[in-house]
C-alpha atoms as a PDB file:
ATOM      1  CA  MET A   1       0.765  20.079  10.767  1.00  0.00           C
ATOM      2  CA  ALA A   2       1.563  16.433  10.732  1.00  0.00           C
ATOM      3  CA  GLU A   3      -1.369  14.100  10.148  1.00  0.00           C
ATOM      4  CA  SER A   4      -2.262  12.040  13.171  1.00  0.00           C
ATOM      5  CA  VAL A   5      -2.579   8.341  13.066  1.00  0.00           C
ATOM      6  CA  GLU A   6      -6.391   8.494  13.350  1.00  0.00           C
ATOM      7  CA  GLN A   7      -6.430  11.090  10.554  1.00  0.00           C
ATOM      8  CA  LYS A   8      -4.299   8.800   8.380  1.00  0.00           C
ATOM      9  CA  LYS A   9      -6.586   5.874   9.147  1.00  0.00           C
ATOM     10  CA  GLU A  10      -9.650   7.879   8.201  1.00  0.00           C
ATOM     11  CA  ARG A  11      -8.196   9.036   5.014  1.00  0.00           C
ATOM     12  CA  ALA A  12      -7.170   5.455   4.097  1.00  0.00           C
ATOM     13  CA  GLN A  13     -10.648   4.380   4.452  1.00  0.00           C
ATOM     14  CA  LYS A  14     -11.992   7.276   2.463  1.00  0.00           C
ATOM     15  CA  ILE A  15      -9.492   6.197  -0.331  1.00  0.00           C
ATOM     16  CA  LEU A  16     -10.817   2.701  -0.072  1.00  0.00           C
ATOM     17  CA  LYS A  17     -14.479   3.817  -0.520  1.00  0.00           C
ATOM     18  CA  VAL A  18     -13.585   5.903  -3.689  1.00  0.00           C
ATOM     19  CA  LEU A  19     -11.623   2.928  -5.168  1.00  0.00           C
ATOM     20  CA  TYR A  20     -14.618   0.579  -4.494  1.00  0.00           C
ATOM     21  CA  LYS A  21     -16.802   2.931  -6.604  1.00  0.00           C
ATOM     22  CA  THR A  22     -14.159   3.325  -9.248  1.00  0.00           C
ATOM     23  CA  TYR A  23     -13.444  -0.479  -9.639  1.00  0.00           C
ATOM     24  CA  PRO A  24     -16.695  -2.167  -8.559  1.00  0.00           C
ATOM     25  CA  ASP A  25     -15.849  -5.407 -10.210  1.00  0.00           C
ATOM     26  CA  VAL A  26     -12.270  -5.714  -8.926  1.00  0.00           C
ATOM     27  CA  GLU A  27     -10.990  -9.270  -8.800  1.00  0.00           C
ATOM     28  CA  CYS A  28      -7.720 -11.167  -9.135  1.00  0.00           C
ATOM     29  CA  ALA A  29      -6.437 -10.716 -12.687  1.00  0.00           C
ATOM     30  CA  LEU A  30      -4.651 -14.080 -12.777  1.00  0.00           C
ATOM     31  CA  HIS A  31      -6.830 -16.777 -14.507  1.00  0.00           C
ATOM     32  CA  HIS A  32      -7.189 -19.960 -12.501  1.00  0.00           C
ATOM     33  CA  ASP A  33      -9.678 -22.751 -11.692  1.00  0.00           C
ATOM     34  CA  ASP A  34      -8.343 -23.948  -8.346  1.00  0.00           C
ATOM     35  CA  PRO A  35      -5.960 -22.970  -5.533  1.00  0.00           C
ATOM     36  CA  VAL A  36      -3.022 -24.923  -7.052  1.00  0.00           C
ATOM     37  CA  GLN A  37      -3.350 -22.969 -10.342  1.00  0.00           C
ATOM     38  CA  LEU A  38      -3.617 -19.755  -8.449  1.00  0.00           C
ATOM     39  CA  LEU A  39      -0.461 -20.591  -6.556  1.00  0.00           C
ATOM     40  CA  VAL A  40       1.536 -21.475  -9.599  1.00  0.00           C
ATOM     41  CA  ALA A  41       0.183 -18.322 -11.471  1.00  0.00           C
ATOM     42  CA  THR A  42       1.161 -16.065  -8.519  1.00  0.00           C
ATOM     43  CA  ILE A  43       4.662 -17.471  -8.499  1.00  0.00           C
ATOM     44  CA  LEU A  44       4.854 -16.856 -12.347  1.00  0.00           C
ATOM     45  CA  SER A  45       3.538 -13.197 -11.868  1.00  0.00           C
ATOM     46  CA  ALA A  46       6.694 -12.123  -9.947  1.00  0.00           C
ATOM     47  CA  GLN A  47       8.532  -9.437 -12.104  1.00  0.00           C
ATOM     48  CA  CYS A  48       5.996 -10.316 -14.810  1.00  0.00           C
ATOM     49  CA  THR A  49       2.676  -8.891 -16.019  1.00  0.00           C
ATOM     50  CA  ASP A  50      -0.530 -10.808 -15.328  1.00  0.00           C
ATOM     51  CA  LYS A  51      -1.307 -10.471 -19.004  1.00  0.00           C
ATOM     52  CA  ARG A  52       1.798 -12.484 -19.927  1.00  0.00           C
ATOM     53  CA  VAL A  53       1.114 -15.028 -17.163  1.00  0.00           C
ATOM     54  CA  ASN A  54      -2.345 -15.577 -18.513  1.00  0.00           C
ATOM     55  CA  MET A  55      -0.972 -16.173 -21.913  1.00  0.00           C
ATOM     56  CA  VAL A  56       1.298 -18.991 -20.635  1.00  0.00           C
ATOM     57  CA  THR A  57      -0.934 -20.760 -18.098  1.00  0.00           C
ATOM     58  CA  PRO A  58      -3.700 -22.333 -20.322  1.00  0.00           C
ATOM     59  CA  ALA A  59      -1.240 -24.638 -21.985  1.00  0.00           C
ATOM     60  CA  LEU A  60       0.718 -25.013 -18.745  1.00  0.00           C
ATOM     61  CA  PHE A  61      -2.303 -26.083 -16.736  1.00  0.00           C
ATOM     62  CA  LYS A  62      -3.338 -28.472 -19.475  1.00  0.00           C
ATOM     63  CA  LYS A  63       0.054 -30.127 -19.466  1.00  0.00           C
ATOM     64  CA  TYR A  64       0.363 -30.198 -15.684  1.00  0.00           C
ATOM     65  CA  PRO A  65      -3.254 -30.506 -14.408  1.00  0.00           C
ATOM     66  CA  THR A  66      -2.455 -31.321 -10.804  1.00  0.00           C
ATOM     67  CA  ALA A  67       0.220 -30.516  -8.117  1.00  0.00           C
ATOM     68  CA  LYS A  68       1.512 -34.118  -8.573  1.00  0.00           C
ATOM     69  CA  LYS A  69       2.179 -33.504 -12.222  1.00  0.00           C
ATOM     70  CA  PHE A  70       4.039 -30.229 -11.552  1.00  0.00           C
ATOM     71  CA  GLY A  71       6.040 -32.049  -8.896  1.00  0.00           C
ATOM     72  CA  GLN A  72       6.944 -34.739 -11.398  1.00  0.00           C
ATOM     73  CA  ALA A  73       7.874 -32.288 -14.243  1.00  0.00           C
ATOM     74  CA  ASP A  74      11.260 -32.454 -15.787  1.00  0.00           C
ATOM     75  CA  LEU A  75      12.860 -29.197 -14.486  1.00  0.00           C
ATOM     76  CA  GLU A  76      14.483 -28.118 -17.748  1.00  0.00           C
ATOM     77  CA  GLU A  77      11.345 -28.826 -19.688  1.00  0.00           C
ATOM     78  CA  LEU A  78       9.205 -26.810 -17.093  1.00  0.00           C
ATOM     79  CA  GLU A  79      11.730 -23.958 -17.447  1.00  0.00           C
ATOM     80  CA  GLN A  80      11.064 -23.858 -21.182  1.00  0.00           C
ATOM     81  CA  ASP A  81       7.343 -23.913 -20.664  1.00  0.00           C
ATOM     82  CA  ILE A  82       7.460 -20.809 -18.517  1.00  0.00           C
ATOM     83  CA  HIS A  83      10.359 -19.189 -20.194  1.00  0.00           C
ATOM     84  CA  SER A  84       8.586 -16.115 -21.285  1.00  0.00           C
ATOM     85  CA  THR A  85       7.595 -15.083 -17.781  1.00  0.00           C
ATOM     86  CA  GLY A  86      11.127 -14.251 -16.834  1.00  0.00           C
ATOM     87  CA  PHE A  87      13.301 -15.570 -14.022  1.00  0.00           C
ATOM     88  CA  TYR A  88      12.185 -18.981 -15.285  1.00  0.00           C
ATOM     89  CA  LYS A  89      14.888 -21.019 -13.558  1.00  0.00           C
ATOM     90  CA  ASN A  90      14.023 -19.873 -10.154  1.00  0.00           C
ATOM     91  CA  LYS A  91      10.295 -19.960 -10.806  1.00  0.00           C
ATOM     92  CA  ALA A  92      10.530 -23.561 -12.211  1.00  0.00           C
ATOM     93  CA  LYS A  93      12.448 -24.622  -9.216  1.00  0.00           C
ATOM     94  CA  ALA A  94       9.930 -23.000  -6.833  1.00  0.00           C
ATOM     95  CA  ILE A  95       6.904 -24.496  -8.636  1.00  0.00           C
ATOM     96  CA  LYS A  96       8.375 -28.027  -8.802  1.00  0.00           C
ATOM     97  CA  GLY A  97       9.609 -27.966  -5.188  1.00  0.00           C
ATOM     98  CA  CYS A  98       6.408 -26.444  -3.867  1.00  0.00           C
ATOM     99  CA  CYS A  99       4.159 -28.964  -5.734  1.00  0.00           C
ATOM    100  CA  GLN A 100       6.166 -31.911  -4.607  1.00  0.00           C
ATOM    101  CA  ILE A 101       5.313 -30.891  -1.110  1.00  0.00           C
ATOM    102  CA  LEU A 102       1.679 -30.279  -1.795  1.00  0.00           C
ATOM    103  CA  ALA A 103       1.484 -33.738  -3.374  1.00  0.00           C
ATOM    104  CA  ALA A 104       3.299 -35.496  -0.523  1.00  0.00           C
ATOM    105  CA  LYS A 105       2.027 -33.497   2.527  1.00  0.00           C
ATOM    106  CA  PHE A 106      -1.278 -31.961   1.554  1.00  0.00           C
ATOM    107  CA  GLY A 107      -2.952 -34.549  -0.753  1.00  0.00           C
ATOM    108  CA  GLY A 108      -2.275 -32.408  -3.768  1.00  0.00           C
ATOM    109  CA  GLY A 109      -4.148 -29.408  -2.274  1.00  0.00           C
ATOM    110  CA  VAL A 110      -3.007 -26.103  -1.010  1.00  0.00           C
ATOM    111  CA  PRO A 111      -2.777 -25.320   2.761  1.00  0.00           C
ATOM    112  CA  LYS A 112      -5.031 -22.661   4.249  1.00  0.00           C
ATOM    113  CA  THR A 113      -2.737 -21.106   6.792  1.00  0.00           C
ATOM    114  CA  MET A 114      -0.107 -18.367   6.310  1.00  0.00           C
ATOM    115  CA  GLU A 115       2.394 -20.492   8.367  1.00  0.00           C
ATOM    116  CA  GLU A 116       2.068 -23.497   6.135  1.00  0.00           C
ATOM    117  CA  LEU A 117       2.165 -21.448   2.897  1.00  0.00           C
ATOM    118  CA  VAL A 118       5.303 -19.462   3.741  1.00  0.00           C
ATOM    119  CA  ALA A 119       7.079 -22.754   4.687  1.00  0.00           C
ATOM    120  CA  LEU A 120       6.775 -23.861   1.023  1.00  0.00           C
ATOM    121  CA  PRO A 121       9.686 -23.269  -1.441  1.00  0.00           C
ATOM    122  CA  GLY A 122       9.497 -19.828  -3.022  1.00  0.00           C
ATOM    123  CA  ILE A 123       6.391 -18.742  -1.230  1.00  0.00           C
ATOM    124  CA  GLY A 124       6.425 -15.459   0.490  1.00  0.00           C
ATOM    125  CA  ARG A 125       3.719 -13.515   2.244  1.00  0.00           C
ATOM    126  CA  LYS A 126       2.639 -11.717  -0.848  1.00  0.00           C
ATOM    127  CA  THR A 127       1.893 -15.086  -2.643  1.00  0.00           C
ATOM    128  CA  ALA A 128       0.331 -16.471   0.463  1.00  0.00           C
ATOM    129  CA  ASN A 129      -2.002 -13.514   0.867  1.00  0.00           C
ATOM    130  CA  VAL A 130      -3.106 -13.923  -2.722  1.00  0.00           C
ATOM    131  CA  VAL A 131      -4.000 -17.511  -2.272  1.00  0.00           C
ATOM    132  CA  LEU A 132      -5.528 -17.091   1.164  1.00  0.00           C
ATOM    133  CA  GLY A 133      -7.571 -14.080   0.060  1.00  0.00           C
ATOM    134  CA  VAL A 134      -8.720 -15.059  -3.369  1.00  0.00           C
ATOM    135  CA  ALA A 135      -9.008 -18.899  -3.067  1.00  0.00           C
ATOM    136  CA  TYR A 136     -10.123 -19.255   0.508  1.00  0.00           C
ATOM    137  CA  GLY A 137     -11.645 -15.894   1.501  1.00  0.00           C
ATOM    138  CA  THR A 138      -9.214 -15.397   4.348  1.00  0.00           C
ATOM    139  CA  PRO A 139      -8.442 -11.645   4.501  1.00  0.00           C
ATOM    140  CA  GLY A 140      -4.938 -10.480   3.899  1.00  0.00           C
ATOM    141  CA  ILE A 141      -3.159  -7.501   2.324  1.00  0.00           C
ATOM    142  CA  VAL A 142      -1.153  -8.264  -0.683  1.00  0.00           C
ATOM    143  CA  VAL A 143       1.816  -5.980  -1.048  1.00  0.00           C
ATOM    144  CA  ASP A 144       3.283  -5.983  -4.509  1.00  0.00           C
ATOM    145  CA  THR A 145       5.147  -3.293  -6.364  1.00  0.00           C
ATOM    146  CA  HIS A 146       1.837  -1.398  -6.919  1.00  0.00           C
ATOM    147  CA  VAL A 147       0.670  -1.489  -3.434  1.00  0.00           C
ATOM    148  CA  LYS A 148       4.126  -0.520  -2.196  1.00  0.00           C
ATOM    149  CA  ARG A 149       4.223   2.486  -4.508  1.00  0.00           C
ATOM    150  CA  LEU A 150       0.675   3.725  -3.980  1.00  0.00           C
ATOM    151  CA  THR A 151       0.731   3.528  -0.182  1.00  0.00           C
ATOM    152  CA  TYR A 152       3.925   5.539  -0.039  1.00  0.00           C
ATOM    153  CA  ARG A 153       2.841   7.969  -2.667  1.00  0.00           C
ATOM    154  CA  MET A 154      -0.520   8.450  -0.970  1.00  0.00           C
ATOM    155  CA  GLY A 155       1.149   9.032   2.346  1.00  0.00           C
ATOM    156  CA  LEU A 156      -0.266   6.139   4.058  1.00  0.00           C
ATOM    157  CA  THR A 157       3.055   4.765   5.156  1.00  0.00           C
ATOM    158  CA  LYS A 158       6.720   5.706   5.244  1.00  0.00           C
ATOM    159  CA  GLN A 159       7.696   2.003   5.202  1.00  0.00           C
ATOM    160  CA  THR A 160       9.431   0.347   2.336  1.00  0.00           C
ATOM    161  CA  ASP A 161       9.508  -3.240   3.620  1.00  0.00           C
ATOM    162  CA  PRO A 162       6.501  -5.077   2.262  1.00  0.00           C
ATOM    163  CA  GLU A 163       5.821  -6.928   5.508  1.00  0.00           C
ATOM    164  CA  LYS A 164       5.895  -3.645   7.481  1.00  0.00           C
ATOM    165  CA  ILE A 165       3.736  -1.983   4.894  1.00  0.00           C
ATOM    166  CA  GLU A 166       1.332  -5.047   5.213  1.00  0.00           C
ATOM    167  CA  ARG A 167       1.073  -4.793   8.887  1.00  0.00           C
ATOM    168  CA  GLU A 168       0.717  -0.995   9.024  1.00  0.00           C
ATOM    169  CA  MET A 169      -2.179  -1.144   6.480  1.00  0.00           C
ATOM    170  CA  MET A 170      -3.802  -3.915   8.443  1.00  0.00           C
ATOM    171  CA  GLU A 171      -4.126  -1.274  11.329  1.00  0.00           C
ATOM    172  CA  LYS A 172      -5.745   1.259   8.996  1.00  0.00           C
ATOM    173  CA  ILE A 173      -8.110  -0.855   7.029  1.00  0.00           C
ATOM    174  CA  PRO A 174     -10.959  -2.993   8.389  1.00  0.00           C
ATOM    175  CA  PRO A 175     -10.162  -6.836   8.271  1.00  0.00           C
ATOM    176  CA  LYS A 176     -13.130  -7.400   5.888  1.00  0.00           C
ATOM    177  CA  ASP A 177     -11.620  -5.167   3.316  1.00  0.00           C
ATOM    178  CA  TRP A 178      -7.957  -6.378   3.449  1.00  0.00           C
ATOM    179  CA  THR A 179      -8.020  -8.540   0.353  1.00  0.00           C
ATOM    180  CA  ASP A 180     -10.012  -5.998  -1.727  1.00  0.00           C
ATOM    181  CA  PHE A 181      -7.704  -3.191  -0.541  1.00  0.00           C
ATOM    182  CA  GLY A 182      -4.655  -4.823  -2.160  1.00  0.00           C
ATOM    183  CA  LEU A 183      -6.531  -5.735  -5.372  1.00  0.00           C
ATOM    184  CA  LEU A 184      -8.021  -2.205  -5.587  1.00  0.00           C
ATOM    185  CA  LEU A 185      -4.658  -0.597  -5.278  1.00  0.00           C
ATOM    186  CA  ILE A 186      -3.209  -2.889  -7.927  1.00  0.00           C
ATOM    187  CA  ALA A 187      -5.950  -2.033 -10.361  1.00  0.00           C
ATOM    188  CA  HIS A 188      -5.500   1.672  -9.590  1.00  0.00           C
ATOM    189  CA  GLY A 189      -1.738   1.247 -10.040  1.00  0.00           C
ATOM    190  CA  ARG A 190      -2.150  -0.112 -13.462  1.00  0.00           C
ATOM    191  CA  ALA A 191      -4.934   2.182 -14.596  1.00  0.00           C
ATOM    192  CA  ILE A 192      -4.144   5.623 -13.089  1.00  0.00           C
ATOM    193  CA  CYS A 193      -1.305   5.855 -10.559  1.00  0.00           C
ATOM    194  CA  GLU A 194       1.469   4.576 -12.774  1.00  0.00           C
ATOM    195  CA  ALA A 195       5.118   4.501 -11.612  1.00  0.00           C
ATOM    196  CA  ARG A 196       6.561   6.880 -14.122  1.00  0.00           C
ATOM    197  CA  LYS A 197       3.641   9.086 -15.165  1.00  0.00           C
ATOM    198  CA  PRO A 198       0.700   9.035 -12.657  1.00  0.00           C
ATOM    199  CA  LYS A 199      -2.413  10.508 -14.070  1.00  0.00           C
ATOM    200  CA  CYS A 200      -3.068  12.881 -11.196  1.00  0.00           C
ATOM    201  CA  PRO A 201      -5.446  15.289 -12.930  1.00  0.00           C
ATOM    202  CA  ILE A 202      -7.997  12.499 -13.607  1.00  0.00           C
ATOM    203  CA  CYS A 203      -7.300  10.448 -10.484  1.00  0.00           C
ATOM    204  CA  PRO A 204     -10.555   9.875  -8.443  1.00  0.00           C
ATOM    205  CA  VAL A 205      -8.613  10.045  -5.254  1.00  0.00           C
ATOM    206  CA  ASN A 206      -6.403  13.071  -5.918  1.00  0.00           C
ATOM    207  CA  ARG A 207      -8.130  15.217  -3.334  1.00  0.00           C
ATOM    208  CA  LEU A 208      -7.182  12.619  -0.756  1.00  0.00           C
ATOM    209  CA  CYS A 209      -3.585  12.242  -1.840  1.00  0.00           C
ATOM    210  CA  PRO A 210      -0.882  14.559  -0.504  1.00  0.00           C
ATOM    211  CA  LYS A 211       1.505  13.490  -3.347  1.00  0.00           C
ATOM    212  CA  VAL A 212      -0.435  15.134  -6.078  1.00  0.00           C
ATOM    213  CA  GLY A 213       1.754  17.472  -8.123  1.00  0.00           C
ATOM    214  CA  LEU A 214       5.018  16.097  -6.784  1.00  0.00           C
ATOM    215  CA  THR A 215       7.229  14.452  -9.419  1.00  0.00           C
ATOM    216  CA  ASN A 216      10.206  13.352  -7.299  1.00  0.00           C
ATOM    217  CA  GLU A 217       8.415  11.224  -4.680  1.00  0.00           C
ATOM    218  CA  LYS A 218       9.971   7.943  -3.823  1.00  0.00           C
ATOM    219  CA  LYS A 219       8.631   5.146  -6.079  1.00  0.00           C
END
């Protein structure tokens, strides 16, 4: 018998409770001291591990301590500074362009609305939700590769488009938990529910997951 919308919503919130107990100290893994640093670090984290980003950013933030400095950076030099994070040409262009606008239009700060953030070069809803949720406490569901994989694997959505997943999860999770929900799934995706070999036998939410035991589910 197919799971109803209400049943799926109830199961999603049960999963959330278990993950809160499993990862009680969950927080954004990207090291930063202010919203500009968080924005830059999140851009760098695309197709790159947080661990690698955290290895690069201390020297990067010392060299470019403000949005203005990032905006004034020599593009080729910036590319070399972030080379090890991958896709460095696109990332450098996005960081420089984004920070030029922050310096010119927002006094060097980071805007606090989704509309203003996604209008910046290289900023999508995922990055915007990270900044809004972590830096400003504005709830939002971050949908990265882990969240996309886990919500599908756990049968919480059949969507594959990140924005559609985000909106569907917003209907199932209380607004106060939106930011934590994304962070918890990311933590769980790294620790237990890995892409290639999920550790289902030791997973704390396995009894709530219809995908347990299946090896050919869509990643």
